[in-house]
Amino acid sequence: LWLGSIVGWDKPVLEWGFYPFLAGDALKLLLASLMVPAVWRLL
């Protein structure tokens, strides 16, 4: 929302601020989802 208000909604906001990060964020989500429950099992 902030990016679009700064650069203008006529620009490719999703291409700049969303799509490029999806693969990396999916990997980080997977890592966190495995790590934290594993810590609880150890505890």
Full PDB file with SEQRES, HELIX, SHEET, SSBOND, CRYST1, ORIGX, SCALE, CONECT and MASTER records, all heavy atoms in Angstrom:
SEQRES   1 A   43  LEU TRP LEU GLY SER ILE VAL GLY TRP ASP LYS PRO VAL          
SEQRES   2 A   43  LEU GLU TRP GLY PHE TYR PRO PHE LEU ALA GLY ASP ALA          
SEQRES   3 A   43  LEU LYS LEU LEU LEU ALA SER LEU MET VAL PRO ALA VAL          
SEQRES   4 A   43  TRP ARG LEU LEU                                              
HELIX    1 AA1 TRP A    2  VAL A    7  1                                   6    
HELIX    2 AA2 VAL A   13  GLY A   17  1                                   5    
HELIX    3 AA3 TYR A   19  PHE A   21  5                                   3    
HELIX    4 AA4 LEU A   22  LEU A   42  1                                  21    
CRYST1    1.000    1.000    1.000  90.00  90.00  90.00 P 1           1          
ORIGX1      1.000000  0.000000  0.000000        0.00000                         
ORIGX2      0.000000  1.000000  0.000000        0.00000                         
ORIGX3      0.000000  0.000000  1.000000        0.00000                         
SCALE1      1.000000  0.000000  0.000000        0.00000                         
SCALE2      0.000000  1.000000  0.000000        0.00000                         
SCALE3      0.000000  0.000000  1.000000        0.00000                         
ATOM      1  N   LEU A   1       0.825  -1.212   0.000  1.00  0.00           N  
ATOM      2  CA  LEU A   1       0.000   0.000   0.000  1.00  0.00           C  
ATOM      3  C   LEU A   1       0.857   1.260   0.000  1.00  0.00           C  
ATOM      4  O   LEU A   1       0.583   2.213  -0.721  1.00  0.00           O  
ATOM      5  CB  LEU A   1      -0.935  -0.004   1.208  1.00  0.00           C  
ATOM      6  CG  LEU A   1      -2.082  -1.024   1.179  1.00  0.00           C  
ATOM      7  CD1 LEU A   1      -2.836  -1.022   2.498  1.00  0.00           C  
ATOM      8  CD2 LEU A   1      -3.021  -0.743   0.014  1.00  0.00           C  
ATOM      9  N   TRP A   2       1.915   1.247   0.806  1.00  0.00           N  
ATOM     10  CA  TRP A   2       2.797   2.412   0.857  1.00  0.00           C  
ATOM     11  C   TRP A   2       3.589   2.552  -0.441  1.00  0.00           C  
ATOM     12  O   TRP A   2       3.741   3.666  -0.971  1.00  0.00           O  
ATOM     13  CB  TRP A   2       3.736   2.312   2.051  1.00  0.00           C  
ATOM     14  CG  TRP A   2       4.604   3.512   2.231  1.00  0.00           C  
ATOM     15  CD1 TRP A   2       5.946   3.619   1.968  1.00  0.00           C  
ATOM     16  CD2 TRP A   2       4.204   4.805   2.704  1.00  0.00           C  
ATOM     17  NE1 TRP A   2       6.400   4.874   2.248  1.00  0.00           N  
ATOM     18  CE2 TRP A   2       5.345   5.629   2.712  1.00  0.00           C  
ATOM     19  CE3 TRP A   2       2.987   5.337   3.124  1.00  0.00           C  
ATOM     20  CZ2 TRP A   2       5.322   6.956   3.107  1.00  0.00           C  
ATOM     21  CZ3 TRP A   2       2.950   6.662   3.535  1.00  0.00           C  
ATOM     22  CH2 TRP A   2       4.109   7.450   3.520  1.00  0.00           C  
ATOM     23  N   LEU A   3       4.105   1.424  -0.953  1.00  0.00           N  
ATOM     24  CA  LEU A   3       4.861   1.466  -2.207  1.00  0.00           C  
ATOM     25  C   LEU A   3       4.001   2.036  -3.325  1.00  0.00           C  
ATOM     26  O   LEU A   3       4.456   2.913  -4.092  1.00  0.00           O  
ATOM     27  CB  LEU A   3       5.342   0.056  -2.562  1.00  0.00           C  
ATOM     28  CG  LEU A   3       6.093  -0.100  -3.885  1.00  0.00           C  
ATOM     29  CD1 LEU A   3       7.381   0.724  -3.887  1.00  0.00           C  
ATOM     30  CD2 LEU A   3       6.392  -1.571  -4.168  1.00  0.00           C  
ATOM     31  N   GLY A   4       2.764   1.569  -3.427  1.00  0.00           N  
ATOM     32  CA  GLY A   4       1.886   2.076  -4.471  1.00  0.00           C  
ATOM     33  C   GLY A   4       1.586   3.549  -4.328  1.00  0.00           C  
ATOM     34  O   GLY A   4       1.508   4.287  -5.325  1.00  0.00           O  
ATOM     35  N   SER A   5       1.446   4.020  -3.079  1.00  0.00           N  
ATOM     36  CA  SER A   5       1.160   5.438  -2.867  1.00  0.00           C  
ATOM     37  C   SER A   5       2.359   6.312  -3.192  1.00  0.00           C  
ATOM     38  O   SER A   5       2.207   7.476  -3.567  1.00  0.00           O  
ATOM     39  CB  SER A   5       0.717   5.676  -1.418  1.00  0.00           C  
ATOM     40  OG  SER A   5       1.801   5.501  -0.524  1.00  0.00           O  
ATOM     41  N   ILE A   6       3.562   5.749  -3.073  1.00  0.00           N  
ATOM     42  CA  ILE A   6       4.781   6.523  -3.358  1.00  0.00           C  
ATOM     43  C   ILE A   6       5.081   6.558  -4.852  1.00  0.00           C  
ATOM     44  O   ILE A   6       5.355   7.618  -5.430  1.00  0.00           O  
ATOM     45  CB  ILE A   6       5.983   5.927  -2.591  1.00  0.00           C  
ATOM     46  CG1 ILE A   6       5.820   6.138  -1.083  1.00  0.00           C  
ATOM     47  CG2 ILE A   6       7.303   6.539  -3.074  1.00  0.00           C  
ATOM     48  CD1 ILE A   6       5.935   7.553  -0.601  1.00  0.00           C  
ATOM     49  N   VAL A   7       5.060   5.380  -5.492  1.00  0.00           N  
ATOM     50  CA  VAL A   7       5.483   5.315  -6.898  1.00  0.00           C  
ATOM     51  C   VAL A   7       4.323   5.508  -7.864  1.00  0.00           C  
ATOM     52  O   VAL A   7       4.533   5.772  -9.046  1.00  0.00           O  
ATOM     53  CB  VAL A   7       6.209   3.982  -7.197  1.00  0.00           C  
ATOM     54  CG1 VAL A   7       7.412   3.806  -6.289  1.00  0.00           C  
ATOM     55  CG2 VAL A   7       5.260   2.792  -7.091  1.00  0.00           C  
ATOM     56  N   GLY A   8       3.088   5.365  -7.368  1.00  0.00           N  
ATOM     57  CA  GLY A   8       1.918   5.485  -8.229  1.00  0.00           C  
ATOM     58  C   GLY A   8       1.375   4.120  -8.614  1.00  0.00           C  
ATOM     59  O   GLY A   8       2.139   3.192  -8.919  1.00  0.00           O  
ATOM     60  N   TRP A   9       0.049   4.001  -8.592  1.00  0.00           N  
ATOM     61  CA  TRP A   9      -0.577   2.715  -8.879  1.00  0.00           C  
ATOM     62  C   TRP A   9      -0.574   2.363 -10.361  1.00  0.00           C  
ATOM     63  O   TRP A   9      -0.946   1.241 -10.742  1.00  0.00           O  
ATOM     64  CB  TRP A   9      -2.001   2.710  -8.329  1.00  0.00           C  
ATOM     65  CG  TRP A   9      -1.996   2.704  -6.824  1.00  0.00           C  
ATOM     66  CD1 TRP A   9      -2.260   3.750  -6.001  1.00  0.00           C  
ATOM     67  CD2 TRP A   9      -1.660   1.610  -5.976  1.00  0.00           C  
ATOM     68  NE1 TRP A   9      -2.121   3.380  -4.688  1.00  0.00           N  
ATOM     69  CE2 TRP A   9      -1.759   2.067  -4.636  1.00  0.00           C  
ATOM     70  CE3 TRP A   9      -1.293   0.280  -6.204  1.00  0.00           C  
ATOM     71  CZ2 TRP A   9      -1.503   1.246  -3.536  1.00  0.00           C  
ATOM     72  CZ3 TRP A   9      -1.046  -0.543  -5.109  1.00  0.00           C  
ATOM     73  CH2 TRP A   9      -1.159  -0.054  -3.793  1.00  0.00           C  
ATOM     74  N   ASP A  10      -0.115   3.288 -11.204  1.00  0.00           N  
ATOM     75  CA  ASP A  10       0.036   2.961 -12.619  1.00  0.00           C  
ATOM     76  C   ASP A  10       1.320   2.183 -12.875  1.00  0.00           C  
ATOM     77  O   ASP A  10       1.524   1.669 -13.968  1.00  0.00           O  
ATOM     78  CB  ASP A  10       0.022   4.245 -13.459  1.00  0.00           C  
ATOM     79  CG  ASP A  10       1.116   5.226 -13.037  1.00  0.00           C  
ATOM     80  OD1 ASP A  10       1.414   5.307 -11.816  1.00  0.00           O  
ATOM     81  OD2 ASP A  10       1.668   5.912 -13.916  1.00  0.00           O  
ATOM     82  N   LYS A  11       2.169   2.089 -11.853  1.00  0.00           N  
ATOM     83  CA  LYS A  11       3.433   1.344 -11.977  1.00  0.00           C  
ATOM     84  C   LYS A  11       3.196  -0.126 -11.598  1.00  0.00           C  
ATOM     85  O   LYS A  11       2.214  -0.463 -10.944  1.00  0.00           O  
ATOM     86  CB  LYS A  11       4.489   1.951 -11.057  1.00  0.00           C  
ATOM     87  CG  LYS A  11       4.781   3.414 -11.314  1.00  0.00           C  
ATOM     88  CD  LYS A  11       5.407   3.618 -12.676  1.00  0.00           C  
ATOM     89  CE  LYS A  11       6.012   5.008 -12.818  1.00  0.00           C  
ATOM     90  NZ  LYS A  11       5.032   6.090 -12.622  1.00  0.00           N  
ATOM     91  N   PRO A  12       4.125  -1.012 -11.996  1.00  0.00           N  
ATOM     92  CA  PRO A  12       3.962  -2.447 -11.681  1.00  0.00           C  
ATOM     93  C   PRO A  12       4.325  -2.743 -10.222  1.00  0.00           C  
ATOM     94  O   PRO A  12       5.359  -3.347  -9.932  1.00  0.00           O  
ATOM     95  CB  PRO A  12       4.922  -3.126 -12.667  1.00  0.00           C  
ATOM     96  CG  PRO A  12       5.982  -2.104 -12.916  1.00  0.00           C  
ATOM     97  CD  PRO A  12       5.287  -0.769 -12.863  1.00  0.00           C  
ATOM     98  N   VAL A  13       3.457  -2.340  -9.307  1.00  0.00           N  
ATOM     99  CA  VAL A  13       3.751  -2.425  -7.875  1.00  0.00           C  
ATOM    100  C   VAL A  13       3.977  -3.870  -7.438  1.00  0.00           C  
ATOM    101  O   VAL A  13       4.920  -4.163  -6.688  1.00  0.00           O  
ATOM    102  CB  VAL A  13       2.610  -1.772  -7.065  1.00  0.00           C  
ATOM    103  CG1 VAL A  13       2.794  -2.007  -5.573  1.00  0.00           C  
ATOM    104  CG2 VAL A  13       2.536  -0.281  -7.370  1.00  0.00           C  
ATOM    105  N   LEU A  14       3.135  -4.786  -7.893  1.00  0.00           N  
ATOM    106  CA  LEU A  14       3.295  -6.179  -7.489  1.00  0.00           C  
ATOM    107  C   LEU A  14       4.582  -6.783  -8.043  1.00  0.00           C  
ATOM    108  O   LEU A  14       5.238  -7.583  -7.367  1.00  0.00           O  
ATOM    109  CB  LEU A  14       2.086  -7.011  -7.942  1.00  0.00           C  
ATOM    110  CG  LEU A  14       0.759  -6.677  -7.267  1.00  0.00           C  
ATOM    111  CD1 LEU A  14      -0.364  -7.538  -7.844  1.00  0.00           C  
ATOM    112  CD2 LEU A  14       0.842  -6.868  -5.759  1.00  0.00           C  
ATOM    113  N   GLU A  15       4.945  -6.391  -9.263  1.00  0.00           N  
ATOM    114  CA  GLU A  15       6.178  -6.898  -9.863  1.00  0.00           C  
ATOM    115  C   GLU A  15       7.406  -6.386  -9.118  1.00  0.00           C  
ATOM    116  O   GLU A  15       8.439  -7.048  -9.073  1.00  0.00           O  
ATOM    117  CB  GLU A  15       6.269  -6.505 -11.340  1.00  0.00           C  
ATOM    118  CG  GLU A  15       5.367  -7.299 -12.265  1.00  0.00           C  
ATOM    119  CD  GLU A  15       3.917  -6.816 -12.240  1.00  0.00           C  
ATOM    120  OE1 GLU A  15       3.600  -5.873 -11.475  1.00  0.00           O  
ATOM    121  OE2 GLU A  15       3.093  -7.388 -12.977  1.00  0.00           O  
ATOM    122  N   TRP A  16       7.311  -5.209  -8.535  1.00  0.00           N  
ATOM    123  CA  TRP A  16       8.436  -4.634  -7.797  1.00  0.00           C  
ATOM    124  C   TRP A  16       8.473  -5.073  -6.341  1.00  0.00           C  
ATOM    125  O   TRP A  16       9.547  -5.307  -5.798  1.00  0.00           O  
ATOM    126  CB  TRP A  16       8.361  -3.103  -7.842  1.00  0.00           C  
ATOM    127  CG  TRP A  16       8.617  -2.521  -9.193  1.00  0.00           C  
ATOM    128  CD1 TRP A  16       9.069  -3.161 -10.312  1.00  0.00           C  
ATOM    129  CD2 TRP A  16       8.430  -1.155  -9.579  1.00  0.00           C  
ATOM    130  NE1 TRP A  16       9.164  -2.295 -11.369  1.00  0.00           N  
ATOM    131  CE2 TRP A  16       8.780  -1.047 -10.945  1.00  0.00           C  
ATOM    132  CE3 TRP A  16       7.987  -0.013  -8.907  1.00  0.00           C  
ATOM    133  CZ2 TRP A  16       8.716   0.156 -11.647  1.00  0.00           C  
ATOM    134  CZ3 TRP A  16       7.927   1.176  -9.600  1.00  0.00           C  
ATOM    135  CH2 TRP A  16       8.289   1.262 -10.957  1.00  0.00           C  
ATOM    136  N   GLY A  17       7.305  -5.162  -5.704  1.00  0.00           N  
ATOM    137  CA  GLY A  17       7.292  -5.322  -4.254  1.00  0.00           C  
ATOM    138  C   GLY A  17       6.688  -6.601  -3.718  1.00  0.00           C  
ATOM    139  O   GLY A  17       6.577  -6.765  -2.502  1.00  0.00           O  
ATOM    140  N   PHE A  18       6.305  -7.531  -4.608  1.00  0.00           N  
ATOM    141  CA  PHE A  18       5.649  -8.744  -4.121  1.00  0.00           C  
ATOM    142  C   PHE A  18       6.177 -10.008  -4.799  1.00  0.00           C  
ATOM    143  O   PHE A  18       6.791 -10.856  -4.150  1.00  0.00           O  
ATOM    144  CB  PHE A  18       4.136  -8.614  -4.319  1.00  0.00           C  
ATOM    145  CG  PHE A  18       3.337  -9.783  -3.845  1.00  0.00           C  
ATOM    146  CD1 PHE A  18       3.346 -10.144  -2.503  1.00  0.00           C  
ATOM    147  CD2 PHE A  18       2.553 -10.521  -4.733  1.00  0.00           C  
ATOM    148  CE1 PHE A  18       2.602 -11.234  -2.056  1.00  0.00           C  
ATOM    149  CE2 PHE A  18       1.806 -11.601  -4.290  1.00  0.00           C  
ATOM    150  CZ  PHE A  18       1.833 -11.956  -2.952  1.00  0.00           C  
ATOM    151  N   TYR A  19       5.970 -10.116  -6.107  1.00  0.00           N  
ATOM    152  CA  TYR A  19       6.326 -11.344  -6.808  1.00  0.00           C  
ATOM    153  C   TYR A  19       7.784 -11.772  -6.633  1.00  0.00           C  
ATOM    154  O   TYR A  19       8.051 -12.970  -6.439  1.00  0.00           O  
ATOM    155  CB  TYR A  19       6.009 -11.228  -8.304  1.00  0.00           C  
ATOM    156  CG  TYR A  19       4.546 -11.029  -8.620  1.00  0.00           C  
ATOM    157  CD1 TYR A  19       4.142 -10.216  -9.676  1.00  0.00           C  
ATOM    158  CD2 TYR A  19       3.557 -11.665  -7.870  1.00  0.00           C  
ATOM    159  CE1 TYR A  19       2.803 -10.022  -9.973  1.00  0.00           C  
ATOM    160  CE2 TYR A  19       2.213 -11.478  -8.168  1.00  0.00           C  
ATOM    161  CZ  TYR A  19       1.842 -10.645  -9.216  1.00  0.00           C  
ATOM    162  OH  TYR A  19       0.517 -10.461  -9.506  1.00  0.00           O  
ATOM    163  N   PRO A  20       8.761 -10.847  -6.675  1.00  0.00           N  
ATOM    164  CA  PRO A  20      10.151 -11.298  -6.574  1.00  0.00           C  
ATOM    165  C   PRO A  20      10.506 -11.941  -5.232  1.00  0.00           C  
ATOM    166  O   PRO A  20      11.508 -12.644  -5.132  1.00  0.00           O  
ATOM    167  CB  PRO A  20      10.955 -10.001  -6.770  1.00  0.00           C  
ATOM    168  CG  PRO A  20      10.030  -9.059  -7.446  1.00  0.00           C  
ATOM    169  CD  PRO A  20       8.666  -9.401  -6.932  1.00  0.00           C  
ATOM    170  N   PHE A  21       9.693 -11.702  -4.202  1.00  0.00           N  
ATOM    171  CA  PHE A  21      10.029 -12.173  -2.865  1.00  0.00           C  
ATOM    172  C   PHE A  21       9.313 -13.467  -2.483  1.00  0.00           C  
ATOM    173  O   PHE A  21       9.595 -14.034  -1.421  1.00  0.00           O  
ATOM    174  CB  PHE A  21       9.688 -11.092  -1.831  1.00  0.00           C  
ATOM    175  CG  PHE A  21      10.354  -9.776  -2.118  1.00  0.00           C  
ATOM    176  CD1 PHE A  21       9.642  -8.739  -2.706  1.00  0.00           C  
ATOM    177  CD2 PHE A  21      11.685  -9.578  -1.823  1.00  0.00           C  
ATOM    178  CE1 PHE A  21      10.245  -7.528  -2.981  1.00  0.00           C  
ATOM    179  CE2 PHE A  21      12.300  -8.373  -2.092  1.00  0.00           C  
ATOM    180  CZ  PHE A  21      11.587  -7.347  -2.676  1.00  0.00           C  
ATOM    181  N   LEU A  22       8.381 -13.928  -3.320  1.00  0.00           N  
ATOM    182  CA  LEU A  22       7.533 -15.049  -2.923  1.00  0.00           C  
ATOM    183  C   LEU A  22       8.319 -16.341  -2.710  1.00  0.00           C  
ATOM    184  O   LEU A  22       8.103 -17.044  -1.714  1.00  0.00           O  
ATOM    185  CB  LEU A  22       6.441 -15.272  -3.973  1.00  0.00           C  
ATOM    186  CG  LEU A  22       5.323 -14.232  -3.993  1.00  0.00           C  
ATOM    187  CD1 LEU A  22       4.338 -14.542  -5.118  1.00  0.00           C  
ATOM    188  CD2 LEU A  22       4.602 -14.193  -2.655  1.00  0.00           C  
ATOM    189  N   ALA A  23       9.226 -16.665  -3.617  1.00  0.00           N  
ATOM    190  CA  ALA A  23       9.972 -17.924  -3.478  1.00  0.00           C  
ATOM    191  C   ALA A  23      10.828 -17.913  -2.219  1.00  0.00           C  
ATOM    192  O   ALA A  23      10.844 -18.881  -1.452  1.00  0.00           O  
ATOM    193  CB  ALA A  23      10.834 -18.170  -4.711  1.00  0.00           C  
ATOM    194  N   GLY A  24      11.530 -16.821  -1.998  1.00  0.00           N  
ATOM    195  CA  GLY A  24      12.365 -16.721  -0.805  1.00  0.00           C  
ATOM    196  C   GLY A  24      11.548 -16.771   0.469  1.00  0.00           C  
ATOM    197  O   GLY A  24      11.935 -17.427   1.447  1.00  0.00           O  
ATOM    198  N   ASP A  25      10.405 -16.099   0.485  1.00  0.00           N  
ATOM    199  CA  ASP A  25       9.576 -16.092   1.683  1.00  0.00           C  
ATOM    200  C   ASP A  25       8.951 -17.456   1.927  1.00  0.00           C  
ATOM    201  O   ASP A  25       8.748 -17.856   3.082  1.00  0.00           O  
ATOM    202  CB  ASP A  25       8.510 -15.003   1.586  1.00  0.00           C  
ATOM    203  CG  ASP A  25       9.077 -13.617   1.848  1.00  0.00           C  
ATOM    204  OD1 ASP A  25      10.198 -13.524   2.378  1.00  0.00           O  
ATOM    205  OD2 ASP A  25       8.392 -12.623   1.521  1.00  0.00           O  
ATOM    206  N   ALA A  26       8.634 -18.184   0.875  1.00  0.00           N  
ATOM    207  CA  ALA A  26       8.106 -19.543   1.045  1.00  0.00           C  
ATOM    208  C   ALA A  26       9.164 -20.435   1.696  1.00  0.00           C  
ATOM    209  O   ALA A  26       8.850 -21.244   2.586  1.00  0.00           O  
ATOM    210  CB  ALA A  26       7.681 -20.117  -0.306  1.00  0.00           C  
ATOM    211  N   LEU A  27      10.419 -20.280   1.276  1.00  0.00           N  
ATOM    212  CA  LEU A  27      11.507 -21.057   1.873  1.00  0.00           C  
ATOM    213  C   LEU A  27      11.676 -20.698   3.346  1.00  0.00           C  
ATOM    214  O   LEU A  27      11.825 -21.578   4.205  1.00  0.00           O  
ATOM    215  CB  LEU A  27      12.803 -20.812   1.102  1.00  0.00           C  
ATOM    216  CG  LEU A  27      14.060 -21.470   1.677  1.00  0.00           C  
ATOM    217  CD1 LEU A  27      13.901 -22.992   1.723  1.00  0.00           C  
ATOM    218  CD2 LEU A  27      15.288 -21.076   0.851  1.00  0.00           C  
ATOM    219  N   LYS A  28      11.626 -19.397   3.652  1.00  0.00           N  
ATOM    220  CA  LYS A  28      11.773 -18.963   5.049  1.00  0.00           C  
ATOM    221  C   LYS A  28      10.605 -19.446   5.896  1.00  0.00           C  
ATOM    222  O   LYS A  28      10.783 -19.828   7.056  1.00  0.00           O  
ATOM    223  CB  LYS A  28      11.907 -17.437   5.095  1.00  0.00           C  
ATOM    224  CG  LYS A  28      13.265 -16.950   4.589  1.00  0.00           C  
ATOM    225  CD  LYS A  28      13.384 -15.443   4.617  1.00  0.00           C  
ATOM    226  CE  LYS A  28      12.851 -14.801   3.370  1.00  0.00           C  
ATOM    227  NZ  LYS A  28      13.135 -13.354   3.308  1.00  0.00           N  
ATOM    228  N   LEU A  29       9.403 -19.443   5.330  1.00  0.00           N  
ATOM    229  CA  LEU A  29       8.234 -19.960   6.045  1.00  0.00           C  
ATOM    230  C   LEU A  29       8.431 -21.432   6.385  1.00  0.00           C  
ATOM    231  O   LEU A  29       8.147 -21.867   7.514  1.00  0.00           O  
ATOM    232  CB  LEU A  29       6.990 -19.762   5.183  1.00  0.00           C  
ATOM    233  CG  LEU A  29       5.632 -20.125   5.767  1.00  0.00           C  
ATOM    234  CD1 LEU A  29       4.547 -19.258   5.146  1.00  0.00           C  
ATOM    235  CD2 LEU A  29       5.293 -21.593   5.529  1.00  0.00           C  
ATOM    236  N   LEU A  30       8.941 -22.191   5.425  1.00  0.00           N  
ATOM    237  CA  LEU A  30       9.178 -23.615   5.660  1.00  0.00           C  
ATOM    238  C   LEU A  30      10.217 -23.825   6.756  1.00  0.00           C  
ATOM    239  O   LEU A  30      10.036 -24.656   7.660  1.00  0.00           O  
ATOM    240  CB  LEU A  30       9.626 -24.285   4.359  1.00  0.00           C  
ATOM    241  CG  LEU A  30       9.996 -25.763   4.457  1.00  0.00           C  
ATOM    242  CD1 LEU A  30       8.788 -26.599   4.891  1.00  0.00           C  
ATOM    243  CD2 LEU A  30      10.539 -26.262   3.117  1.00  0.00           C  
ATOM    244  N   LEU A  31      11.303 -23.055   6.699  1.00  0.00           N  
ATOM    245  CA  LEU A  31      12.351 -23.178   7.718  1.00  0.00           C  
ATOM    246  C   LEU A  31      11.806 -22.899   9.109  1.00  0.00           C  
ATOM    247  O   LEU A  31      12.047 -23.656  10.051  1.00  0.00           O  
ATOM    248  CB  LEU A  31      13.502 -22.213   7.406  1.00  0.00           C  
ATOM    249  CG  LEU A  31      14.421 -22.569   6.245  1.00  0.00           C  
ATOM    250  CD1 LEU A  31      15.388 -21.428   5.967  1.00  0.00           C  
ATOM    251  CD2 LEU A  31      15.185 -23.850   6.552  1.00  0.00           C  
ATOM    252  N   ALA A  32      11.071 -21.804   9.247  1.00  0.00           N  
ATOM    253  CA  ALA A  32      10.522 -21.445  10.559  1.00  0.00           C  
ATOM    254  C   ALA A  32       9.534 -22.493  11.040  1.00  0.00           C  
ATOM    255  O   ALA A  32       9.504 -22.831  12.237  1.00  0.00           O  
ATOM    256  CB  ALA A  32       9.858 -20.074  10.486  1.00  0.00           C  
ATOM    257  N   SER A  33       8.740 -23.026  10.121  1.00  0.00           N  
ATOM    258  CA  SER A  33       7.726 -24.013  10.495  1.00  0.00           C  
ATOM    259  C   SER A  33       8.341 -25.315  10.974  1.00  0.00           C  
ATOM    260  O   SER A  33       7.726 -26.051  11.751  1.00  0.00           O  
ATOM    261  CB  SER A  33       6.800 -24.289   9.309  1.00  0.00           C  
ATOM    262  OG  SER A  33       6.166 -23.098   8.897  1.00  0.00           O  
ATOM    263  N   LEU A  34       9.549 -25.603  10.525  1.00  0.00           N  
ATOM    264  CA  LEU A  34      10.261 -26.783  10.988  1.00  0.00           C  
ATOM    265  C   LEU A  34      11.057 -26.498  12.258  1.00  0.00           C  
ATOM    266  O   LEU A  34      11.119 -27.337  13.173  1.00  0.00           O  
ATOM    267  CB  LEU A  34      11.202 -27.294   9.892  1.00  0.00           C  
ATOM    268  CG  LEU A  34      10.539 -27.821   8.620  1.00  0.00           C  
ATOM    269  CD1 LEU A  34      11.579 -28.105   7.545  1.00  0.00           C  
ATOM    270  CD2 LEU A  34       9.723 -29.080   8.911  1.00  0.00           C  
ATOM    271  N   MET A  35      11.662 -25.318  12.329  1.00  0.00           N  
ATOM    272  CA  MET A  35      12.580 -25.012  13.424  1.00  0.00           C  
ATOM    273  C   MET A  35      11.885 -24.864  14.773  1.00  0.00           C  
ATOM    274  O   MET A  35      12.301 -25.473  15.763  1.00  0.00           O  
ATOM    275  CB  MET A  35      13.348 -23.717  13.114  1.00  0.00           C  
ATOM    276  CG  MET A  35      14.396 -23.838  12.035  1.00  0.00           C  
ATOM    277  SD  MET A  35      14.952 -22.211  11.426  1.00  0.00           S  
ATOM    278  CE  MET A  35      15.359 -21.371  12.960  1.00  0.00           C  
ATOM    279  N   VAL A  36      10.855 -24.031  14.835  1.00  0.00           N  
ATOM    280  CA  VAL A  36      10.277 -23.694  16.137  1.00  0.00           C  
ATOM    281  C   VAL A  36       9.580 -24.887  16.791  1.00  0.00           C  
ATOM    282  O   VAL A  36       9.814 -25.157  17.970  1.00  0.00           O  
ATOM    283  CB  VAL A  36       9.359 -22.464  16.031  1.00  0.00           C  
ATOM    284  CG1 VAL A  36       8.720 -22.142  17.377  1.00  0.00           C  
ATOM    285  CG2 VAL A  36      10.157 -21.258  15.535  1.00  0.00           C  
ATOM    286  N   PRO A  37       8.740 -25.641  16.069  1.00  0.00           N  
ATOM    287  CA  PRO A  37       8.186 -26.843  16.709  1.00  0.00           C  
ATOM    288  C   PRO A  37       9.274 -27.835  17.144  1.00  0.00           C  
ATOM    289  O   PRO A  37       9.109 -28.530  18.160  1.00  0.00           O  
ATOM    290  CB  PRO A  37       7.288 -27.443  15.618  1.00  0.00           C  
ATOM    291  CG  PRO A  37       6.891 -26.262  14.781  1.00  0.00           C  
ATOM    292  CD  PRO A  37       8.121 -25.400  14.747  1.00  0.00           C  
ATOM    293  N   ALA A  38      10.385 -27.909  16.389  1.00  0.00           N  
ATOM    294  CA  ALA A  38      11.490 -28.791  16.790  1.00  0.00           C  
ATOM    295  C   ALA A  38      12.094 -28.324  18.110  1.00  0.00           C  
ATOM    296  O   ALA A  38      12.457 -29.147  18.968  1.00  0.00           O  
ATOM    297  CB  ALA A  38      12.558 -28.826  15.700  1.00  0.00           C  
ATOM    298  N   VAL A  39      12.223 -27.013  18.302  1.00  0.00           N  
ATOM    299  CA  VAL A  39      12.715 -26.484  19.574  1.00  0.00           C  
ATOM    300  C   VAL A  39      11.776 -26.889  20.710  1.00  0.00           C  
ATOM    301  O   VAL A  39      12.227 -27.299  21.788  1.00  0.00           O  
ATOM    302  CB  VAL A  39      12.866 -24.954  19.503  1.00  0.00           C  
ATOM    303  CG1 VAL A  39      13.143 -24.375  20.897  1.00  0.00           C  
ATOM    304  CG2 VAL A  39      13.995 -24.572  18.553  1.00  0.00           C  
ATOM    305  N   TRP A  40      10.474 -26.790  20.472  1.00  0.00           N  
ATOM    306  CA  TRP A  40       9.518 -27.184  21.510  1.00  0.00           C  
ATOM    307  C   TRP A  40       9.618 -28.663  21.829  1.00  0.00           C  
ATOM    308  O   TRP A  40       9.480 -29.069  22.997  1.00  0.00           O  
ATOM    309  CB  TRP A  40       8.092 -26.824  21.100  1.00  0.00           C  
ATOM    310  CG  TRP A  40       7.760 -25.390  21.342  1.00  0.00           C  
ATOM    311  CD1 TRP A  40       7.388 -24.453  20.430  1.00  0.00           C  
ATOM    312  CD2 TRP A  40       7.763 -24.713  22.612  1.00  0.00           C  
ATOM    313  NE1 TRP A  40       7.172 -23.240  21.036  1.00  0.00           N  
ATOM    314  CE2 TRP A  40       7.391 -23.369  22.385  1.00  0.00           C  
ATOM    315  CE3 TRP A  40       8.058 -25.115  23.922  1.00  0.00           C  
ATOM    316  CZ2 TRP A  40       7.300 -22.435  23.398  1.00  0.00           C  
ATOM    317  CZ3 TRP A  40       7.978 -24.182  24.943  1.00  0.00           C  
ATOM    318  CH2 TRP A  40       7.599 -22.851  24.679  1.00  0.00           C  
ATOM    319  N   ARG A  41       9.863 -29.500  20.824  1.00  0.00           N  
ATOM    320  CA  ARG A  41      10.024 -30.937  21.098  1.00  0.00           C  
ATOM    321  C   ARG A  41      11.258 -31.190  21.954  1.00  0.00           C  
ATOM    322  O   ARG A  41      11.229 -31.999  22.879  1.00  0.00           O  
ATOM    323  CB  ARG A  41      10.112 -31.720  19.778  1.00  0.00           C  
ATOM    324  CG  ARG A  41       8.776 -31.851  19.053  1.00  0.00           C  
ATOM    325  CD  ARG A  41       8.811 -32.883  17.963  1.00  0.00           C  
ATOM    326  NE  ARG A  41       9.729 -32.535  16.896  1.00  0.00           N  
ATOM    327  CZ  ARG A  41       9.407 -31.782  15.847  1.00  0.00           C  
ATOM    328  NH1 ARG A  41       8.181 -31.288  15.731  1.00  0.00           N  
ATOM    329  NH2 ARG A  41      10.301 -31.526  14.908  1.00  0.00           N  
ATOM    330  N   LEU A  42      12.331 -30.464  21.666  1.00  0.00           N  
ATOM    331  CA  LEU A  42      13.548 -30.595  22.484  1.00  0.00           C  
ATOM    332  C   LEU A  42      13.298 -30.140  23.919  1.00  0.00           C  
ATOM    333  O   LEU A  42      13.744 -30.783  24.881  1.00  0.00           O  
ATOM    334  CB  LEU A  42      14.684 -29.780  21.874  1.00  0.00           C  
ATOM    335  CG  LEU A  42      15.286 -30.323  20.571  1.00  0.00           C  
ATOM    336  CD1 LEU A  42      16.267 -29.322  19.973  1.00  0.00           C  
ATOM    337  CD2 LEU A  42      15.990 -31.667  20.817  1.00  0.00           C  
ATOM    338  N   LEU A  43      12.603 -29.017  24.069  1.00  0.00           N  
ATOM    339  CA  LEU A  43      12.310 -28.510  25.410  1.00  0.00           C  
ATOM    340  C   LEU A  43      11.409 -29.480  26.168  1.00  0.00           C  
ATOM    341  O   LEU A  43      11.580 -29.675  27.381  1.00  0.00           O  
ATOM    342  CB  LEU A  43      11.654 -27.133  25.313  1.00  0.00           C  
ATOM    343  CG  LEU A  43      12.564 -25.983  24.860  1.00  0.00           C  
ATOM    344  CD1 LEU A  43      11.745 -24.719  24.620  1.00  0.00           C  
ATOM    345  CD2 LEU A  43      13.661 -25.730  25.885  1.00  0.00           C  
TER     346      LEU A  43                                                      
MASTER        0    0    0    4    0    0    0    6  345    1    0    4          
END                                                                             
